[in-house]
Amino acid sequence: PGFPILGDGKSDNQNHAIPFMRGAFCQCIDSNQGAYFEQMMLLPCVLGEFRTDRRGGMDIMNKQYMIQQGGVSKATKTLNLSEDIFAGMDFMLRGCGRSIKHCEYFYLTKGRDLGFNAVMGFFSKISSGTGEQILTRQMFRLSQVLPLPESLSFHYAHAGYYMTQAFISLSMPITVSTWLLVLVAGCEDSFQAY
């Protein structure tokens, strides 16, 4: 009878919920995340962070800023797969001295299948989201605005991590084939032991 899911799921749900939120802040967590009651008692401390110079975070965001930048999530779920990353990039690109402060108050659990195929599917999703980030104008503009230390750390935390993993994965066959060529060429006799 048709495809049972209307819209883009999570991104549409998050953006549609913003007009119905009360208060000045919105917390965006996944539906399969959970925490203990004792951790939620730290919520006043978390909201106290917003009274300082910092204007936002990744999971708890200033509702007014999210409305001004077009919502928490973007319209396309394939291009903007990592919606929290894009919310942070758009937040920083708005300028006016905005900054993001990372504080860990909550330790949320995440219900996830731990089979090999499920873990590989998750890493495939995260890496494809990072690959799509490279293609966006937010990444291009942010790399022009950030100072060099922040730009390098931002690069390594996103695309640079996967590029490093690719180089490490390629280095092992190159090392083995190089030693194999050395052994096949019979030049190990010319190496002197130290």
C-alpha atoms as a PDB file:
ATOM      1  CA  PRO A   1       0.000   0.000   0.000  1.00  0.00           C
ATOM      2  CA  GLY A   2       2.966   2.384  -0.091  1.00  0.00           C
ATOM      3  CA  PHE A   3       5.908   3.594   1.922  1.00  0.00           C
ATOM      4  CA  PRO A   4       4.841   3.875   5.585  1.00  0.00           C
ATOM      5  CA  ILE A   5       7.188   6.731   6.561  1.00  0.00           C
ATOM      6  CA  LEU A   6       6.159  10.240   5.564  1.00  0.00           C
ATOM      7  CA  GLY A   7       8.819  12.920   5.279  1.00  0.00           C
ATOM      8  CA  ASP A   8      12.421  12.549   6.379  1.00  0.00           C
ATOM      9  CA  GLY A   9      11.718  11.190   9.841  1.00  0.00           C
ATOM     10  CA  LYS A  10      14.019  12.630  12.493  1.00  0.00           C
ATOM     11  CA  SER A  11      14.835  15.940  10.781  1.00  0.00           C
ATOM     12  CA  ASP A  12      11.202  16.752  10.034  1.00  0.00           C
ATOM     13  CA  ASN A  13      10.172  15.781  13.558  1.00  0.00           C
ATOM     14  CA  GLN A  14      12.798  18.019  15.164  1.00  0.00           C
ATOM     15  CA  ASN A  15      11.994  21.039  13.013  1.00  0.00           C
ATOM     16  CA  HIS A  16       8.249  20.564  13.384  1.00  0.00           C
ATOM     17  CA  ALA A  17       8.534  20.436  17.185  1.00  0.00           C
ATOM     18  CA  ILE A  18      10.273  23.820  17.533  1.00  0.00           C
ATOM     19  CA  PRO A  19       7.096  25.984  17.347  1.00  0.00           C
ATOM     20  CA  PHE A  20       5.478  23.863  20.054  1.00  0.00           C
ATOM     21  CA  MET A  21       8.380  24.101  22.517  1.00  0.00           C
ATOM     22  CA  ARG A  22       8.070  26.137  25.668  1.00  0.00           C
ATOM     23  CA  GLY A  23      10.999  28.001  27.117  1.00  0.00           C
ATOM     24  CA  ALA A  24      14.180  29.369  25.627  1.00  0.00           C
ATOM     25  CA  PHE A  25      16.142  26.139  25.108  1.00  0.00           C
ATOM     26  CA  CYS A  26      15.583  22.924  23.215  1.00  0.00           C
ATOM     27  CA  GLN A  27      17.181  19.574  23.892  1.00  0.00           C
ATOM     28  CA  CYS A  28      17.530  17.243  20.930  1.00  0.00           C
ATOM     29  CA  ILE A  29      18.322  13.658  21.791  1.00  0.00           C
ATOM     30  CA  ASP A  30      17.554  10.486  19.921  1.00  0.00           C
ATOM     31  CA  SER A  31      14.535   8.411  20.834  1.00  0.00           C
ATOM     32  CA  ASN A  32      16.726   5.431  21.747  1.00  0.00           C
ATOM     33  CA  GLN A  33      18.744   7.408  24.317  1.00  0.00           C
ATOM     34  CA  GLY A  34      18.035   7.310  28.008  1.00  0.00           C
ATOM     35  CA  ALA A  35      19.442   8.496  31.317  1.00  0.00           C
ATOM     36  CA  TYR A  36      18.906   7.955  35.001  1.00  0.00           C
ATOM     37  CA  PHE A  37      16.772  10.289  37.094  1.00  0.00           C
ATOM     38  CA  GLU A  38      19.785  11.349  39.132  1.00  0.00           C
ATOM     39  CA  GLN A  39      21.453  12.763  36.048  1.00  0.00           C
ATOM     40  CA  MET A  40      18.413  14.833  35.184  1.00  0.00           C
ATOM     41  CA  MET A  41      18.782  16.583  38.521  1.00  0.00           C
ATOM     42  CA  LEU A  42      21.827  18.274  36.961  1.00  0.00           C
ATOM     43  CA  LEU A  43      19.597  20.035  34.425  1.00  0.00           C
ATOM     44  CA  PRO A  44      19.605  23.372  36.355  1.00  0.00           C
ATOM     45  CA  CYS A  45      23.416  23.336  36.182  1.00  0.00           C
ATOM     46  CA  VAL A  46      23.265  22.749  32.436  1.00  0.00           C
ATOM     47  CA  LEU A  47      20.816  25.583  31.902  1.00  0.00           C
ATOM     48  CA  GLY A  48      23.055  27.801  34.035  1.00  0.00           C
ATOM     49  CA  GLU A  49      25.722  27.468  31.329  1.00  0.00           C
ATOM     50  CA  PHE A  50      23.486  29.487  29.017  1.00  0.00           C
ATOM     51  CA  ARG A  51      23.556  32.477  31.368  1.00  0.00           C
ATOM     52  CA  THR A  52      27.262  32.928  30.643  1.00  0.00           C
ATOM     53  CA  ASP A  53      28.807  34.253  27.445  1.00  0.00           C
ATOM     54  CA  ARG A  54      28.322  30.939  25.671  1.00  0.00           C
ATOM     55  CA  ARG A  55      25.278  30.842  23.454  1.00  0.00           C
ATOM     56  CA  GLY A  56      24.714  27.207  22.645  1.00  0.00           C
ATOM     57  CA  GLY A  57      25.652  23.597  22.760  1.00  0.00           C
ATOM     58  CA  MET A  58      25.116  20.596  20.574  1.00  0.00           C
ATOM     59  CA  ASP A  59      22.368  18.680  22.355  1.00  0.00           C
ATOM     60  CA  ILE A  60      20.847  21.604  24.241  1.00  0.00           C
ATOM     61  CA  MET A  61      20.456  24.623  22.012  1.00  0.00           C
ATOM     62  CA  ASN A  62      19.116  28.129  22.208  1.00  0.00           C
ATOM     63  CA  LYS A  63      15.663  27.931  20.659  1.00  0.00           C
ATOM     64  CA  GLN A  64      15.735  31.480  19.275  1.00  0.00           C
ATOM     65  CA  TYR A  65      19.008  30.864  17.434  1.00  0.00           C
ATOM     66  CA  MET A  66      17.717  27.605  15.983  1.00  0.00           C
ATOM     67  CA  ILE A  67      14.629  29.364  14.631  1.00  0.00           C
ATOM     68  CA  GLN A  68      16.800  32.102  13.096  1.00  0.00           C
ATOM     69  CA  GLN A  69      18.996  29.626  11.245  1.00  0.00           C
ATOM     70  CA  GLY A  70      16.132  27.639   9.759  1.00  0.00           C
ATOM     71  CA  GLY A  71      15.731  24.893  12.331  1.00  0.00           C
ATOM     72  CA  VAL A  72      17.836  22.263  14.014  1.00  0.00           C
ATOM     73  CA  SER A  73      17.910  19.834  11.108  1.00  0.00           C
ATOM     74  CA  LYS A  74      18.153  20.419   7.399  1.00  0.00           C
ATOM     75  CA  ALA A  75      15.632  19.293   4.832  1.00  0.00           C
ATOM     76  CA  THR A  76      17.647  16.550   3.138  1.00  0.00           C
ATOM     77  CA  LYS A  77      18.462  13.536   5.238  1.00  0.00           C
ATOM     78  CA  THR A  78      21.127  12.248   2.847  1.00  0.00           C
ATOM     79  CA  LEU A  79      23.167  15.443   2.563  1.00  0.00           C
ATOM     80  CA  ASN A  80      22.670  16.638   6.132  1.00  0.00           C
ATOM     81  CA  LEU A  81      22.966  13.269   7.847  1.00  0.00           C
ATOM     82  CA  SER A  82      24.780  14.582  10.935  1.00  0.00           C
ATOM     83  CA  GLU A  83      22.248  17.207  11.958  1.00  0.00           C
ATOM     84  CA  ASP A  84      24.000  18.178  15.182  1.00  0.00           C
ATOM     85  CA  ILE A  85      27.209  18.947  13.291  1.00  0.00           C
ATOM     86  CA  PHE A  86      25.344  21.105  10.785  1.00  0.00           C
ATOM     87  CA  ALA A  87      23.498  22.914  13.573  1.00  0.00           C
ATOM     88  CA  GLY A  88      26.863  23.739  15.142  1.00  0.00           C
ATOM     89  CA  MET A  89      28.400  24.849  11.837  1.00  0.00           C
ATOM     90  CA  ASP A  90      25.436  27.099  11.026  1.00  0.00           C
ATOM     91  CA  PHE A  91      25.555  28.475  14.563  1.00  0.00           C
ATOM     92  CA  MET A  92      29.230  29.418  14.231  1.00  0.00           C
ATOM     93  CA  LEU A  93      28.764  30.898  10.757  1.00  0.00           C
ATOM     94  CA  ARG A  94      26.154  33.362  12.038  1.00  0.00           C
ATOM     95  CA  GLY A  95      29.005  35.255  13.690  1.00  0.00           C
ATOM     96  CA  CYS A  96      28.448  37.972  16.310  1.00  0.00           C
ATOM     97  CA  GLY A  97      30.910  36.344  18.707  1.00  0.00           C
ATOM     98  CA  ARG A  98      28.961  33.115  19.032  1.00  0.00           C
ATOM     99  CA  SER A  99      30.814  30.215  20.551  1.00  0.00           C
ATOM    100  CA  ILE A 100      30.030  26.640  21.470  1.00  0.00           C
ATOM    101  CA  LYS A 101      31.077  25.307  24.832  1.00  0.00           C
ATOM    102  CA  HIS A 102      31.348  21.568  25.327  1.00  0.00           C
ATOM    103  CA  CYS A 103      30.381  20.487  28.840  1.00  0.00           C
ATOM    104  CA  GLU A 104      29.615  16.971  29.934  1.00  0.00           C
ATOM    105  CA  TYR A 105      26.847  16.864  32.494  1.00  0.00           C
ATOM    106  CA  PHE A 106      24.839  13.892  31.261  1.00  0.00           C
ATOM    107  CA  TYR A 107      25.947  10.416  30.334  1.00  0.00           C
ATOM    108  CA  LEU A 108      23.174   9.090  28.163  1.00  0.00           C
ATOM    109  CA  THR A 109      22.833   5.460  27.256  1.00  0.00           C
ATOM    110  CA  LYS A 110      22.057   4.518  23.697  1.00  0.00           C
ATOM    111  CA  GLY A 111      20.107   1.430  22.798  1.00  0.00           C
ATOM    112  CA  ARG A 112      21.835  -0.081  19.806  1.00  0.00           C
ATOM    113  CA  ASP A 113      22.317  -3.504  18.320  1.00  0.00           C
ATOM    114  CA  LEU A 114      25.903  -4.639  18.857  1.00  0.00           C
ATOM    115  CA  GLY A 115      26.117  -7.215  16.095  1.00  0.00           C
ATOM    116  CA  PHE A 116      28.967  -6.888  13.613  1.00  0.00           C
ATOM    117  CA  ASN A 117      26.701  -5.881  10.722  1.00  0.00           C
ATOM    118  CA  ALA A 118      24.885  -3.289  12.855  1.00  0.00           C
ATOM    119  CA  VAL A 119      28.161  -1.742  14.051  1.00  0.00           C
ATOM    120  CA  MET A 120      29.524  -1.645  10.511  1.00  0.00           C
ATOM    121  CA  GLY A 121      26.263  -0.082   9.330  1.00  0.00           C
ATOM    122  CA  PHE A 122      26.553   2.606  12.008  1.00  0.00           C
ATOM    123  CA  PHE A 123      30.153   3.424  11.100  1.00  0.00           C
ATOM    124  CA  SER A 124      29.172   3.490   7.438  1.00  0.00           C
ATOM    125  CA  LYS A 125      26.432   5.994   8.268  1.00  0.00           C
ATOM    126  CA  ILE A 126      28.787   8.211  10.272  1.00  0.00           C
ATOM    127  CA  SER A 127      31.528   8.136   7.631  1.00  0.00           C
ATOM    128  CA  SER A 128      29.100   8.866   4.793  1.00  0.00           C
ATOM    129  CA  GLY A 129      27.764  11.796   6.823  1.00  0.00           C
ATOM    130  CA  THR A 130      31.325  13.073   7.166  1.00  0.00           C
ATOM    131  CA  GLY A 131      31.868  12.644   3.438  1.00  0.00           C
ATOM    132  CA  GLU A 132      28.762  14.690   2.751  1.00  0.00           C
ATOM    133  CA  GLN A 133      29.976  17.401   5.141  1.00  0.00           C
ATOM    134  CA  ILE A 134      33.043  17.956   2.974  1.00  0.00           C
ATOM    135  CA  LEU A 135      30.819  18.817   0.008  1.00  0.00           C
ATOM    136  CA  THR A 136      28.806  21.509   1.759  1.00  0.00           C
ATOM    137  CA  ARG A 137      29.306  25.247   1.662  1.00  0.00           C
ATOM    138  CA  GLN A 138      29.126  25.375   5.471  1.00  0.00           C
ATOM    139  CA  MET A 139      32.392  23.420   5.681  1.00  0.00           C
ATOM    140  CA  PHE A 140      33.981  25.652   3.019  1.00  0.00           C
ATOM    141  CA  ARG A 141      32.918  28.864   4.733  1.00  0.00           C
ATOM    142  CA  LEU A 142      33.848  27.649   8.183  1.00  0.00           C
ATOM    143  CA  SER A 143      37.341  26.707   7.015  1.00  0.00           C
ATOM    144  CA  GLN A 144      37.799  30.288   5.796  1.00  0.00           C
ATOM    145  CA  VAL A 145      36.569  31.854   9.036  1.00  0.00           C
ATOM    146  CA  LEU A 146      38.261  29.712  11.698  1.00  0.00           C
ATOM    147  CA  PRO A 147      41.804  30.481  12.871  1.00  0.00           C
ATOM    148  CA  LEU A 148      44.434  27.889  11.927  1.00  0.00           C
ATOM    149  CA  PRO A 149      44.509  25.890  15.221  1.00  0.00           C
ATOM    150  CA  GLU A 150      40.717  25.598  15.351  1.00  0.00           C
ATOM    151  CA  SER A 151      40.582  24.813  11.634  1.00  0.00           C
ATOM    152  CA  LEU A 152      43.102  21.990  11.974  1.00  0.00           C
ATOM    153  CA  SER A 153      41.353  20.483  14.984  1.00  0.00           C
ATOM    154  CA  PHE A 154      37.985  20.817  13.216  1.00  0.00           C
ATOM    155  CA  HIS A 155      39.422  19.078  10.154  1.00  0.00           C
ATOM    156  CA  TYR A 156      40.915  16.204  12.130  1.00  0.00           C
ATOM    157  CA  ALA A 157      37.767  15.719  14.199  1.00  0.00           C
ATOM    158  CA  HIS A 158      35.695  15.256  11.039  1.00  0.00           C
ATOM    159  CA  ALA A 159      37.186  14.322   7.659  1.00  0.00           C
ATOM    160  CA  GLY A 160      40.789  14.095   8.817  1.00  0.00           C
ATOM    161  CA  TYR A 161      40.014  11.182  11.116  1.00  0.00           C
ATOM    162  CA  TYR A 162      38.759   9.041   8.243  1.00  0.00           C
ATOM    163  CA  MET A 163      41.618  10.108   5.992  1.00  0.00           C
ATOM    164  CA  THR A 164      44.084   9.081   8.708  1.00  0.00           C
ATOM    165  CA  GLN A 165      42.343   5.716   9.050  1.00  0.00           C
ATOM    166  CA  ALA A 166      42.551   5.234   5.277  1.00  0.00           C
ATOM    167  CA  PHE A 167      46.290   6.025   5.282  1.00  0.00           C
ATOM    168  CA  ILE A 168      46.868   3.608   8.164  1.00  0.00           C
ATOM    169  CA  SER A 169      44.909   0.906   6.328  1.00  0.00           C
ATOM    170  CA  LEU A 170      46.953   1.486   3.167  1.00  0.00           C
ATOM    171  CA  SER A 171      50.285   1.578   5.003  1.00  0.00           C
ATOM    172  CA  MET A 172      50.155  -2.073   6.080  1.00  0.00           C
ATOM    173  CA  PRO A 173      49.937  -3.595   2.551  1.00  0.00           C
ATOM    174  CA  ILE A 174      52.578  -1.141   1.341  1.00  0.00           C
ATOM    175  CA  THR A 175      54.899  -2.139   4.189  1.00  0.00           C
ATOM    176  CA  VAL A 176      54.340  -5.862   3.622  1.00  0.00           C
ATOM    177  CA  SER A 177      54.835  -5.572  -0.150  1.00  0.00           C
ATOM    178  CA  THR A 178      58.012  -3.508   0.323  1.00  0.00           C
ATOM    179  CA  TRP A 179      59.520  -6.142   2.640  1.00  0.00           C
ATOM    180  CA  LEU A 180      58.381  -8.851   0.245  1.00  0.00           C
ATOM    181  CA  LEU A 181      60.242  -7.112  -2.593  1.00  0.00           C
ATOM    182  CA  VAL A 182      63.333  -6.837  -0.394  1.00  0.00           C
ATOM    183  CA  LEU A 183      63.185 -10.561   0.403  1.00  0.00           C
ATOM    184  CA  VAL A 184      62.488 -11.625  -3.190  1.00  0.00           C
ATOM    185  CA  ALA A 185      65.329  -9.469  -4.535  1.00  0.00           C
ATOM    186  CA  GLY A 186      67.727 -11.357  -2.264  1.00  0.00           C
ATOM    187  CA  CYS A 187      69.338  -8.196  -0.937  1.00  0.00           C
ATOM    188  CA  GLU A 188      69.064  -9.190   2.713  1.00  0.00           C
ATOM    189  CA  ASP A 189      72.684 -10.380   2.572  1.00  0.00           C
ATOM    190  CA  SER A 190      73.833  -6.833   1.897  1.00  0.00           C
ATOM    191  CA  PHE A 191      72.232  -5.534   5.123  1.00  0.00           C
ATOM    192  CA  GLN A 192      74.730  -5.588   7.964  1.00  0.00           C
ATOM    193  CA  ALA A 193      73.533  -6.394  11.459  1.00  0.00           C
ATOM    194  CA  TYR A 194      74.160  -3.612  13.966  1.00  0.00           C
END
